[in-house]
Amino acid sequence: MLSNTEENYLKALLHLTDLNSIKEQAGTNELANYLGIKPATATDMLKKLKEKGLVDYEKYGKNNLTPKGKKIALELLRKHRLWETFLYEKLEFSWDEIHEVAEELEHIQSEKLINKLDQFLGYPQYDPHGDPIPDNKGKIPKTKRMLLCDKPIDSVCKMVAVKNNSVSFLKYVSQIGLAINSNIEILEIEKFDGSMQLKIGDQTHRVSRKFAENIFVI
């Protein structure tokens, strides 16, 4: 059985490669930055995971998950997003609260429990943040979406997911009246810094390019 820390490394590699990038490998420094740890700490763990056949690791090279490691990472991701959905839909947690709690619940090992949870929720394809949920075979629903920052002026689009799941960002998104499936109209784009003036409902808001880089729309 893997430790929670080992599982977190596998899930981090999945996020850095297959989920949010077209690349299949990630550098050790990149992984360390993502996890908020020292590169030497990441190197030690990658060596351990390589010995267990979960990661392809070479000194000074790039890292990627083996098929066995990817299977475990996808199972973790499935559990995490199902727990987020349960907390949000059934226990009325706010969407900025569910990530931290799901980080703990995702390490529960009962496959029967997770399959029952999936059935209880009606086999959801997306979590409350708009992220796709892998099924019990590790398949992820295909999504056609783009970042808000890549949309042109006068576009009308719909928010379908967030890239940043931090509490501070999610609270800010809620404060300006945005939620999953909210309509957004781009009224103005500032050439100097890429900031945008958006119409959300009957309100207008000025947002930074950094904000727009973290909102997925269709």
Protein backbone atom coordinates (compact mmCIF):
# COMPACT_ATOMS: atom_id res chain seq x y z
CA MET A 1 0.00 0.00 0.00
CA LEU A 2 1.25 3.47 -0.86
CA SER A 3 1.51 6.30 1.64
CA ASN A 4 -0.60 9.43 1.22
CA THR A 5 2.54 11.34 0.25
CA GLU A 6 3.43 8.84 -2.47
CA GLU A 7 -0.11 9.05 -3.85
CA ASN A 8 0.08 12.84 -3.86
CA TYR A 9 3.24 12.72 -5.97
CA LEU A 10 1.53 10.50 -8.54
CA LYS A 11 -1.47 12.79 -8.74
CA ALA A 12 0.79 15.83 -9.07
CA LEU A 13 2.60 14.24 -12.03
CA LEU A 14 -0.76 13.49 -13.62
CA HIS A 15 -1.78 17.14 -13.28
CA LEU A 16 1.51 18.37 -14.73
CA THR A 17 1.38 16.08 -17.74
CA ASP A 18 -1.80 14.46 -19.04
CA LEU A 19 -4.41 16.73 -17.46
CA ASN A 20 -3.22 20.30 -17.98
CA SER A 21 -0.60 19.95 -20.67
CA ILE A 22 0.09 18.34 -24.01
CA LYS A 23 3.46 17.16 -22.71
CA GLU A 24 4.00 13.71 -21.27
CA GLN A 25 6.90 14.52 -18.94
CA ALA A 26 7.69 16.97 -16.15
CA GLY A 27 11.01 18.13 -14.72
CA THR A 28 11.92 17.51 -11.10
CA ASN A 29 12.06 21.25 -10.35
CA GLU A 30 8.65 21.71 -11.96
CA LEU A 31 7.23 18.94 -9.77
CA ALA A 32 8.87 20.41 -6.66
CA ASN A 33 7.43 23.86 -7.40
CA TYR A 34 3.98 22.37 -7.91
CA LEU A 35 4.12 20.57 -4.56
CA GLY A 36 5.84 23.43 -2.72
CA ILE A 37 8.85 21.35 -1.70
CA LYS A 38 12.61 21.31 -2.29
CA PRO A 39 13.91 19.63 -5.48
CA ALA A 40 16.07 17.29 -3.40
CA THR A 41 12.97 16.06 -1.55
CA ALA A 42 11.20 15.44 -4.86
CA THR A 43 14.24 13.57 -6.20
CA ASP A 44 14.28 11.21 -3.21
CA MET A 45 10.59 10.41 -3.64
CA LEU A 46 10.88 9.91 -7.39
CA LYS A 47 13.61 7.35 -6.79
CA LYS A 48 11.32 5.45 -4.41
CA LEU A 49 8.44 5.56 -6.86
CA LYS A 50 10.72 4.34 -9.64
CA GLU A 51 11.69 1.33 -7.51
CA LYS A 52 7.97 0.52 -7.18
CA GLY A 53 7.50 0.71 -10.94
CA LEU A 54 5.25 3.78 -10.79
CA VAL A 55 7.45 6.48 -12.32
CA ASP A 56 10.06 6.64 -15.08
CA TYR A 57 12.82 8.73 -13.52
CA GLU A 58 16.29 9.54 -14.76
CA LYS A 59 18.75 11.86 -13.03
CA TYR A 60 18.66 15.33 -14.62
CA GLY A 61 15.96 14.10 -16.98
CA LYS A 62 12.19 14.38 -17.25
CA ASN A 63 9.72 12.30 -15.28
CA ASN A 64 6.52 10.58 -16.29
CA LEU A 65 4.10 8.03 -14.91
CA THR A 66 4.32 4.39 -15.91
CA PRO A 67 1.01 2.77 -16.94
CA LYS A 68 0.74 1.36 -13.41
CA GLY A 69 1.43 4.76 -11.87
CA LYS A 70 -1.04 6.50 -14.16
CA LYS A 71 -3.77 4.00 -13.25
CA ILE A 72 -3.31 4.77 -9.55
CA ALA A 73 -3.21 8.53 -10.20
CA LEU A 74 -6.46 8.39 -12.18
CA GLU A 75 -8.11 6.40 -9.40
CA LEU A 76 -7.07 9.10 -6.92
CA LEU A 77 -8.38 11.82 -9.19
CA ARG A 78 -11.69 10.00 -9.56
CA LYS A 79 -12.06 9.65 -5.79
CA HIS A 80 -11.12 13.28 -5.19
CA ARG A 81 -13.65 14.67 -7.67
CA LEU A 82 -16.42 12.33 -6.55
CA TRP A 83 -15.89 13.39 -2.94
CA GLU A 84 -15.94 17.05 -3.99
CA THR A 85 -19.25 16.44 -5.76
CA PHE A 86 -20.70 14.67 -2.72
CA LEU A 87 -19.60 17.41 -0.32
CA TYR A 88 -20.99 20.15 -2.57
CA GLU A 89 -24.26 18.54 -3.66
CA LYS A 90 -25.24 16.50 -0.60
CA LEU A 91 -23.58 18.18 2.39
CA GLU A 92 -23.84 21.78 1.12
CA PHE A 93 -20.17 22.65 1.43
CA SER A 94 -19.24 25.75 -0.59
CA TRP A 95 -17.09 25.19 -3.67
CA ASP A 96 -14.11 26.90 -1.99
CA GLU A 97 -14.28 24.45 0.96
CA ILE A 98 -14.49 21.10 -0.79
CA HIS A 99 -10.95 20.76 -2.18
CA GLU A 100 -9.14 20.54 1.16
CA VAL A 101 -11.61 18.02 2.59
CA ALA A 102 -11.48 15.89 -0.57
CA GLU A 103 -7.67 15.89 -0.33
CA GLU A 104 -8.08 13.79 2.83
CA LEU A 105 -10.97 11.62 1.67
CA GLU A 106 -9.29 10.65 -1.62
CA HIS A 107 -6.90 8.33 0.22
CA ILE A 108 -9.68 5.99 1.41
CA GLN A 109 -8.88 2.63 -0.16
CA SER A 110 -12.33 0.99 -0.43
CA GLU A 111 -13.13 0.46 -4.11
CA LYS A 112 -16.65 -0.66 -3.17
CA LEU A 113 -17.27 2.59 -1.31
CA ILE A 114 -16.17 4.73 -4.27
CA ASN A 115 -18.25 2.74 -6.74
CA LYS A 116 -21.27 3.08 -4.44
CA LEU A 117 -20.59 6.80 -4.10
CA ASP A 118 -20.44 7.17 -7.88
CA GLN A 119 -23.76 5.31 -8.20
CA PHE A 120 -25.35 7.36 -5.40
CA LEU A 121 -24.40 10.59 -7.17
CA GLY A 122 -25.82 9.38 -10.49
CA TYR A 123 -22.46 8.85 -12.21
CA PRO A 124 -21.55 12.55 -12.58
CA GLN A 125 -19.13 13.47 -15.37
CA TYR A 126 -17.97 16.79 -13.90
CA ASP A 127 -17.19 18.00 -10.39
CA PRO A 128 -18.38 21.34 -8.89
CA HIS A 129 -15.33 23.13 -10.33
CA GLY A 130 -16.21 21.91 -13.82
CA ASP A 131 -13.40 19.35 -14.00
CA PRO A 132 -14.10 15.98 -15.68
CA ILE A 133 -14.38 12.91 -13.45
CA PRO A 134 -12.66 9.70 -14.64
CA ASP A 135 -14.93 6.67 -14.75
CA ASN A 136 -14.09 3.36 -13.07
CA LYS A 137 -11.96 2.39 -16.07
CA GLY A 138 -9.92 5.61 -15.94
CA LYS A 139 -11.56 7.21 -18.98
CA ILE A 140 -12.04 10.99 -18.77
CA PRO A 141 -14.88 12.79 -20.61
CA LYS A 142 -13.58 14.88 -23.51
CA THR A 143 -14.02 18.60 -23.02
CA LYS A 144 -13.85 21.36 -25.62
CA ARG A 145 -12.98 24.53 -23.77
CA MET A 146 -10.60 27.46 -23.87
CA LEU A 147 -9.31 30.07 -21.48
CA LEU A 148 -11.20 33.32 -21.10
CA CYS A 149 -8.01 35.27 -21.85
CA ASP A 150 -7.99 33.78 -25.38
CA LYS A 151 -11.46 35.01 -26.28
CA PRO A 152 -11.78 38.20 -28.39
CA ILE A 153 -13.65 41.36 -27.50
CA ASP A 154 -17.46 41.25 -27.89
CA SER A 155 -17.48 37.48 -27.27
CA VAL A 156 -20.33 35.92 -25.32
CA CYS A 157 -19.30 32.72 -23.60
CA LYS A 158 -20.12 30.44 -20.69
CA MET A 159 -17.85 29.56 -17.76
CA VAL A 160 -17.49 25.78 -17.53
CA ALA A 161 -14.52 25.30 -15.18
CA VAL A 162 -11.78 26.98 -13.20
CA LYS A 163 -8.07 26.29 -13.57
CA ASN A 164 -7.18 27.59 -10.11
CA ASN A 165 -8.85 25.76 -7.20
CA SER A 166 -7.34 27.87 -4.42
CA VAL A 167 -9.72 29.16 -1.74
CA SER A 168 -8.84 32.81 -2.41
CA PHE A 169 -9.48 32.52 -6.15
CA LEU A 170 -12.77 30.64 -5.78
CA LYS A 171 -14.01 33.20 -3.25
CA TYR A 172 -13.15 36.01 -5.65
CA VAL A 173 -14.95 34.25 -8.50
CA SER A 174 -18.06 33.99 -6.32
CA GLN A 175 -17.78 37.61 -5.18
CA ILE A 176 -18.09 38.93 -8.72
CA GLY A 177 -21.13 36.75 -9.37
CA LEU A 178 -19.58 33.95 -11.42
CA ALA A 179 -20.40 30.26 -11.11
CA ILE A 180 -20.29 27.21 -13.37
CA ASN A 181 -22.52 27.85 -16.44
CA SER A 182 -22.57 31.62 -15.87
CA ASN A 183 -22.70 33.68 -19.06
CA ILE A 184 -19.90 36.19 -19.67
CA GLU A 185 -19.80 39.02 -22.19
CA ILE A 186 -16.41 40.58 -22.94
CA LEU A 187 -16.99 44.31 -23.29
CA GLU A 188 -13.41 45.54 -23.43
CA ILE A 189 -9.84 44.24 -23.49
CA GLU A 190 -7.06 46.59 -22.41
CA LYS A 191 -4.16 46.33 -24.86
CA PHE A 192 -1.57 47.40 -22.29
CA ASP A 193 -2.05 44.65 -19.72
CA GLY A 194 -4.72 42.34 -21.11
CA SER A 195 -7.23 43.19 -18.39
CA MET A 196 -10.87 42.76 -19.33
CA GLN A 197 -14.16 44.45 -18.64
CA LEU A 198 -16.81 41.76 -18.33
CA LYS A 199 -20.58 41.79 -18.11
CA ILE A 200 -21.83 39.14 -15.71
CA GLY A 201 -25.58 39.18 -15.26
CA ASP A 202 -26.49 42.86 -15.00
CA GLN A 203 -23.15 43.85 -13.47
CA THR A 204 -19.85 44.84 -15.06
CA HIS A 205 -16.44 43.99 -13.60
CA ARG A 206 -12.85 44.78 -14.49
CA VAL A 207 -10.64 41.69 -14.11
CA SER A 208 -6.93 41.09 -14.59
CA ARG A 209 -5.38 38.93 -17.27
CA LYS A 210 -4.26 36.57 -14.50
CA PHE A 211 -7.90 36.09 -13.58
CA ALA A 212 -8.84 35.42 -17.22
CA GLU A 213 -6.02 32.87 -17.47
CA ASN A 214 -7.75 30.79 -14.81
CA ILE A 215 -11.30 30.64 -16.21
CA PHE A 216 -12.30 28.00 -18.76
CA VAL A 217 -15.15 28.89 -21.12
CA ILE A 218 -17.02 27.53 -24.12
